[in-house]
Amino acid sequence: MTAILEINDLKKVYEGGFEALKGVTLSIERGEILALLGPNGAGKTTLISTICGISTSSSGSVFVDGHCIEKDFRVTRSKIGLVPQEINLEPFETVMNTVRFSRGLFGKPRNDAYLEKLLRQLSLWEKRGNRIMELSGGMKRRVLIAKALSHEPSVLFLDEPTAGVDVELRKDMWNIVAELKATGVTIILTTHYIEEAEAIADRIGVISKGELLLVEEKSALMKRLGQKQLQIELQEPVTALPEALQTENIALSGDGSTLTYTYDTQAKRTGITKLLADLAAAGLQLRDLQTEQSSLEDIFVGLVQEKST
């Protein structure tokens, strides 16, 4: 695959010395979906604003499809679509006119056939004559996406696109993103919803305090950092762990009825066989066994906490 977005040692320092971005370096492949996770104030929106030319960087460089965002601003901006967090639309304008006007701002010739296809894809065609003020919050967010895609960009930024919408609409938005990817659009998504990243992203980036902690394929990240836990329910509760079981990987529940064994799925040996043998030797009888995989949320929280300490 070919990188469509190259970010090299990008820094943003405000007056007073606050570092919003601390040397971010990132390469994004053409046609992929990258989910950028991070807590409030992590630098997600600052990064997007800088790439889109809304904010200027203190140092570093950004190239979009081989063009520098500073030297070739008009070219790079025409290749980018941005869906902001805030819904800022002209309330008395119609859906079609709103999208048509957005296309014109980028100097694109009128193409109602393309706009019809776009509005149909976003389930907005039946609403094309409606004024923005007549739409629901979810429909307004769809209009924002239509505006961002009206000039046929190759890169789409979605900054918290499902913030404040219900679960059903959120899943609809995931389907829209998948359809856009199928047409070749590269998508960079910032989100607070871990399940959103798990559902649609090809790669996951974690940013905290202006620093990119990692960027990795979702499946590889889950495999590398994810841990499994074996929950062992005992026939009879115990007041303390037998000496043979007192390792850092085993925890006893407060009521003494359950043991939790954490193990690395990538290790050559999980240690489960030895654990079960030790349990039998200690005279402990089992009622039930079940395993649990660490979620992406567990991994994300752990990384951010590790960075903050």
Protein backbone atom coordinates (compact mmCIF):
# COMPACT_ATOMS: atom_id res chain seq x y z
CA MET A 1 0.00 0.00 0.00
CA THR A 2 1.02 3.62 -0.58
CA ALA A 3 1.04 6.23 2.17
CA ILE A 4 -1.33 9.09 1.44
CA LEU A 5 -0.52 11.04 4.60
CA GLU A 6 2.99 11.53 6.02
CA ILE A 7 3.47 13.38 9.31
CA ASN A 8 7.06 14.00 10.38
CA ASP A 9 8.08 15.21 13.86
CA LEU A 10 5.09 17.54 14.10
CA LYS A 11 5.16 19.90 17.08
CA LYS A 12 2.76 22.54 18.33
CA VAL A 13 3.84 24.83 21.19
CA TYR A 14 1.59 27.65 22.38
CA GLU A 15 2.65 30.89 24.02
CA GLY A 16 3.60 30.12 27.58
CA GLY A 17 5.33 26.91 26.58
CA PHE A 18 2.41 24.46 26.53
CA GLU A 19 3.24 21.58 24.16
CA ALA A 20 0.04 20.41 22.47
CA LEU A 21 1.94 18.12 20.07
CA LYS A 22 5.31 16.61 20.96
CA GLY A 23 6.96 15.45 17.77
CA VAL A 24 4.20 13.32 16.24
CA THR A 25 5.36 11.08 13.40
CA LEU A 26 2.80 9.00 11.54
CA SER A 27 2.28 7.41 8.14
CA ILE A 28 -1.26 6.58 6.99
CA GLU A 29 -1.87 4.22 4.10
CA ARG A 30 -4.21 4.94 1.23
CA GLY A 31 -7.66 3.46 1.81
CA GLU A 32 -7.23 2.53 5.48
CA ILE A 33 -9.21 3.50 8.56
CA LEU A 34 -7.13 4.77 11.45
CA ALA A 35 -8.77 5.34 14.83
CA LEU A 36 -7.00 7.83 17.06
CA LEU A 37 -7.80 7.29 20.72
CA GLY A 38 -6.98 9.61 23.57
CA PRO A 39 -8.50 11.35 26.60
CA ASN A 40 -9.67 14.97 26.56
CA GLY A 41 -6.75 17.30 25.95
CA ALA A 42 -4.60 14.55 24.45
CA GLY A 43 -3.97 16.50 21.22
CA LYS A 44 -6.33 14.71 18.82
CA THR A 45 -8.16 17.81 17.58
CA THR A 46 -4.94 19.85 17.51
CA LEU A 47 -3.36 17.24 15.26
CA ILE A 48 -6.32 17.25 12.87
CA SER A 49 -6.52 21.06 12.85
CA THR A 50 -2.85 21.30 11.98
CA ILE A 51 -3.08 18.79 9.14
CA CYS A 52 -6.14 20.58 7.74
CA GLY A 53 -4.43 23.98 7.90
CA ILE A 54 -6.76 25.41 10.55
CA SER A 55 -3.84 25.68 12.96
CA THR A 56 -0.15 26.17 12.13
CA SER A 57 2.55 23.90 13.50
CA SER A 58 5.60 25.10 15.42
CA SER A 59 7.84 22.68 13.52
CA GLY A 60 7.74 19.48 11.52
CA SER A 61 6.09 18.67 8.21
CA VAL A 62 2.94 17.13 6.77
CA PHE A 63 2.51 15.76 3.26
CA VAL A 64 -0.84 14.82 1.75
CA ASP A 65 -0.55 12.62 -1.34
CA GLY A 66 3.01 13.90 -1.79
CA HIS A 67 2.14 17.60 -1.40
CA CYS A 68 3.36 19.77 1.49
CA ILE A 69 0.49 21.35 3.44
CA GLU A 70 2.38 24.65 3.75
CA LYS A 71 3.82 25.01 0.25
CA ASP A 72 0.82 23.51 -1.58
CA PHE A 73 -2.01 24.49 0.75
CA ARG A 74 -4.75 24.72 -1.87
CA VAL A 75 -3.86 21.36 -3.37
CA THR A 76 -3.62 19.55 -0.04
CA ARG A 77 -6.76 21.15 1.37
CA SER A 78 -8.73 20.07 -1.70
CA LYS A 79 -7.71 16.49 -0.98
CA ILE A 80 -9.03 16.64 2.62
CA GLY A 81 -12.55 16.50 3.98
CA LEU A 82 -13.19 17.42 7.60
CA VAL A 83 -16.20 16.55 9.75
CA PRO A 84 -15.82 18.65 12.94
CA GLN A 85 -17.18 17.85 16.39
CA GLU A 86 -19.53 20.82 16.45
CA ILE A 87 -22.65 20.95 14.31
CA ASN A 88 -22.33 24.35 12.64
CA LEU A 89 -24.78 24.56 9.75
CA GLU A 90 -26.95 27.32 8.29
CA PRO A 91 -30.37 26.46 9.82
CA PHE A 92 -32.53 28.04 7.10
CA GLU A 93 -30.70 26.52 4.13
CA THR A 94 -31.74 23.26 2.47
CA VAL A 95 -29.68 20.11 2.55
CA MET A 96 -28.93 20.15 -1.19
CA ASN A 97 -27.95 23.81 -1.27
CA THR A 98 -25.73 23.35 1.78
CA VAL A 99 -23.80 20.52 0.13
CA ARG A 100 -23.75 22.21 -3.28
CA PHE A 101 -22.33 25.42 -1.76
CA SER A 102 -19.62 23.44 0.05
CA ARG A 103 -18.55 21.86 -3.24
CA GLY A 104 -18.37 25.28 -4.86
CA LEU A 105 -16.07 26.61 -2.14
CA PHE A 106 -13.37 24.24 -3.42
CA GLY A 107 -13.81 25.44 -6.99
CA LYS A 108 -15.40 22.20 -8.14
CA PRO A 109 -17.81 22.41 -11.09
CA ARG A 110 -21.46 21.70 -10.43
CA ASN A 111 -22.17 17.97 -10.42
CA ASP A 112 -25.66 17.22 -9.17
CA ALA A 113 -25.38 13.57 -10.24
CA TYR A 114 -22.46 13.08 -7.82
CA LEU A 115 -24.25 14.95 -5.05
CA GLU A 116 -27.36 12.82 -5.55
CA LYS A 117 -25.26 9.67 -5.26
CA LEU A 118 -23.63 11.07 -2.13
CA LEU A 119 -26.92 12.03 -0.47
CA ARG A 120 -28.44 8.67 -1.30
CA GLN A 121 -25.42 6.93 0.21
CA LEU A 122 -25.93 8.92 3.42
CA SER A 123 -29.73 8.39 3.44
CA LEU A 124 -30.26 12.11 2.90
CA TRP A 125 -31.79 12.14 -0.57
CA GLU A 126 -35.37 12.20 0.70
CA LYS A 127 -34.38 15.14 2.89
CA ARG A 128 -32.61 17.12 0.16
CA GLY A 129 -35.29 19.85 0.12
CA ASN A 130 -35.58 20.10 3.90
CA ARG A 131 -34.10 23.01 5.77
CA ILE A 132 -31.33 22.11 8.21
CA MET A 133 -33.43 23.28 11.16
CA GLU A 134 -35.99 20.59 10.35
CA LEU A 135 -33.50 17.73 10.70
CA SER A 136 -32.71 15.57 13.71
CA GLY A 137 -29.27 15.70 15.30
CA GLY A 138 -28.28 12.47 13.59
CA MET A 139 -29.34 13.75 10.17
CA LYS A 140 -27.39 16.96 10.73
CA ARG A 141 -24.28 14.87 11.35
CA ARG A 142 -24.91 13.11 8.05
CA VAL A 143 -25.09 16.53 6.38
CA LEU A 144 -21.70 17.37 7.89
CA ILE A 145 -20.27 14.23 6.28
CA ALA A 146 -21.91 15.11 2.96
CA LYS A 147 -20.37 18.60 3.12
CA ALA A 148 -16.95 17.12 3.85
CA LEU A 149 -17.25 14.74 0.88
CA SER A 150 -18.87 17.19 -1.53
CA HIS A 151 -15.56 18.10 -3.21
CA GLU A 152 -14.53 14.44 -3.59
CA PRO A 153 -11.57 14.35 -1.16
CA SER A 154 -9.30 11.33 -0.85
CA VAL A 155 -8.78 11.78 2.91
CA LEU A 156 -11.63 12.21 5.40
CA PHE A 157 -11.17 13.32 9.01
CA LEU A 158 -13.97 12.47 11.42
CA ASP A 159 -13.49 14.30 14.72
CA GLU A 160 -15.75 12.58 17.29
CA PRO A 161 -18.42 11.90 14.63
CA THR A 162 -20.79 9.98 16.91
CA ALA A 163 -20.50 12.13 20.01
CA GLY A 164 -23.92 12.58 21.57
CA VAL A 165 -25.80 10.22 19.24
CA ASP A 166 -27.65 7.09 20.28
CA VAL A 167 -26.27 3.56 19.85
CA GLU A 168 -28.43 2.75 16.82
CA LEU A 169 -27.33 5.84 14.91
CA ARG A 170 -23.73 5.20 15.93
CA LYS A 171 -23.86 1.80 14.26
CA ASP A 172 -25.40 3.38 11.17
CA MET A 173 -22.43 5.75 11.07
CA TRP A 174 -20.05 2.79 11.28
CA ASN A 175 -21.75 1.32 8.21
CA ILE A 176 -21.35 4.63 6.38
CA VAL A 177 -17.64 4.67 7.20
CA ALA A 178 -17.25 1.11 5.91
CA GLU A 179 -18.98 2.08 2.66
CA LEU A 180 -16.70 5.12 2.25
CA LYS A 181 -13.66 2.92 2.76
CA ALA A 182 -14.94 0.60 0.04
CA THR A 183 -14.88 3.55 -2.39
CA GLY A 184 -11.21 4.18 -1.61
CA VAL A 185 -11.51 7.05 0.88
CA THR A 186 -8.86 7.12 3.61
CA ILE A 187 -10.45 7.80 7.00
CA ILE A 188 -8.89 9.13 10.19
CA LEU A 189 -11.29 8.90 13.10
CA THR A 190 -10.93 10.39 16.57
CA THR A 191 -13.18 8.91 19.19
CA HIS A 192 -13.79 8.38 22.89
CA TYR A 193 -15.76 5.22 22.14
CA ILE A 194 -13.47 2.22 22.37
CA GLU A 195 -16.03 -0.03 20.71
CA GLU A 196 -16.02 2.31 17.72
CA ALA A 197 -12.32 1.69 17.14
CA GLU A 198 -12.77 -2.05 17.65
CA ALA A 199 -15.67 -2.15 15.20
CA ILE A 200 -14.30 -0.29 12.18
CA ALA A 201 -10.59 0.58 12.40
CA ASP A 202 -7.74 -1.14 10.57
CA ARG A 203 -5.16 0.41 12.88
CA ILE A 204 -5.31 2.01 16.30
CA GLY A 205 -3.31 5.04 17.41
CA VAL A 206 -3.11 6.07 21.06
CA ILE A 207 -2.22 9.67 21.87
CA SER A 208 -1.78 11.18 25.32
CA LYS A 209 -0.48 14.61 26.37
CA GLY A 210 0.50 15.44 22.81
CA GLU A 211 2.59 12.31 22.31
CA LEU A 212 1.73 9.41 20.05
CA LEU A 213 2.23 6.36 22.26
CA LEU A 214 1.77 3.77 19.54
CA VAL A 215 0.17 3.00 16.21
CA GLU A 216 -0.50 -0.62 15.40
CA GLU A 217 -2.88 -2.88 13.52
CA LYS A 218 -5.92 -3.51 15.68
CA SER A 219 -5.63 -7.29 15.65
CA ALA A 220 -1.89 -7.19 16.31
CA LEU A 221 -2.35 -4.73 19.16
CA MET A 222 -4.97 -6.92 20.79
CA LYS A 223 -2.75 -9.95 20.31
CA ARG A 224 0.41 -8.28 21.59
CA LEU A 225 -0.94 -6.39 24.56
CA GLY A 226 -4.10 -8.32 25.30
CA GLN A 227 -4.05 -10.70 28.21
CA LYS A 228 -6.40 -13.49 29.09
CA GLN A 229 -7.77 -14.25 32.49
CA LEU A 230 -8.84 -17.64 33.75
CA GLN A 231 -11.63 -17.37 36.31
CA ILE A 232 -11.65 -20.39 38.62
CA GLU A 233 -14.73 -20.82 40.79
CA LEU A 234 -14.05 -23.03 43.81
CA GLN A 235 -16.43 -25.57 45.33
CA GLU A 236 -15.70 -24.16 48.77
CA PRO A 237 -14.34 -20.67 49.58
CA VAL A 238 -10.90 -20.29 51.15
CA THR A 239 -9.59 -17.63 53.52
CA ALA A 240 -6.15 -17.43 51.89
CA LEU A 241 -4.20 -18.75 48.93
CA PRO A 242 -2.16 -21.92 49.53
CA GLU A 243 1.57 -21.16 49.51
CA ALA A 244 2.10 -22.99 46.21
CA LEU A 245 -0.38 -20.62 44.50
CA GLN A 246 0.96 -17.34 45.88
CA THR A 247 2.26 -15.80 42.66
CA GLU A 248 1.73 -12.33 41.24
CA ASN A 249 -0.49 -13.75 38.50
CA ILE A 250 -3.16 -15.11 40.85
CA ALA A 251 -5.69 -13.09 42.82
CA LEU A 252 -8.30 -14.28 45.29
CA SER A 253 -11.71 -12.67 45.33
CA GLY A 254 -12.91 -10.93 48.47
CA ASP A 255 -15.32 -13.72 49.35
CA GLY A 256 -12.65 -16.36 48.75
CA SER A 257 -14.73 -18.22 46.20
CA THR A 258 -12.93 -17.29 42.96
CA LEU A 259 -9.34 -17.32 41.74
CA THR A 260 -8.30 -15.10 38.85
CA TYR A 261 -5.23 -16.22 36.91
CA THR A 262 -3.80 -13.76 34.36
CA TYR A 263 -1.59 -15.13 31.60
CA ASP A 264 0.08 -14.05 28.37
CA THR A 265 -1.42 -15.62 25.27
CA GLN A 266 1.88 -15.14 23.41
CA ALA A 267 4.00 -17.06 25.93
CA LYS A 268 5.26 -20.53 25.03
CA ARG A 269 3.49 -21.90 28.09
CA THR A 270 0.41 -20.44 29.72
CA GLY A 271 1.08 -22.15 33.05
CA ILE A 272 -2.51 -23.38 33.25
CA THR A 273 -1.55 -27.06 33.40
CA LYS A 274 0.76 -26.47 36.36
CA LEU A 275 -1.85 -24.26 38.02
CA LEU A 276 -4.51 -26.96 37.85
CA ALA A 277 -2.05 -29.50 39.21
CA ASP A 278 -1.18 -27.16 42.10
CA LEU A 279 -4.87 -26.66 42.84
CA ALA A 280 -5.43 -30.42 43.00
CA ALA A 281 -2.33 -30.87 45.21
CA ALA A 282 -3.65 -28.21 47.57
CA GLY A 283 -6.95 -30.07 47.87
CA LEU A 284 -9.02 -27.35 46.17
CA GLN A 285 -11.97 -28.56 44.11
CA LEU A 286 -13.26 -26.60 41.13
CA ARG A 287 -16.87 -25.69 40.43
CA ASP A 288 -16.40 -23.86 37.11
CA LEU A 289 -13.79 -22.41 34.73
CA GLN A 290 -14.07 -19.58 32.23
CA THR A 291 -11.67 -17.35 30.30
CA GLU A 292 -11.90 -13.65 29.53
CA GLN A 293 -9.93 -11.66 26.91
CA SER A 294 -8.70 -8.14 27.69
CA SER A 295 -10.65 -5.56 25.70
CA LEU A 296 -9.16 -2.69 23.74
CA GLU A 297 -10.48 -0.43 26.48
CA ASP A 298 -8.37 -2.26 29.07
CA ILE A 299 -5.32 -1.85 26.85
CA PHE A 300 -6.01 1.84 26.20
CA VAL A 301 -6.51 2.70 29.87
CA GLY A 302 -3.36 0.81 30.79
CA LEU A 303 -1.25 2.66 28.21
CA VAL A 304 -2.49 6.09 29.23
CA GLN A 305 -2.04 5.34 32.94
CA GLU A 306 1.47 4.03 32.27
CA LYS A 307 2.34 7.26 30.41
CA SER A 308 0.96 9.48 33.17
CA THR A 309 3.00 7.83 35.95
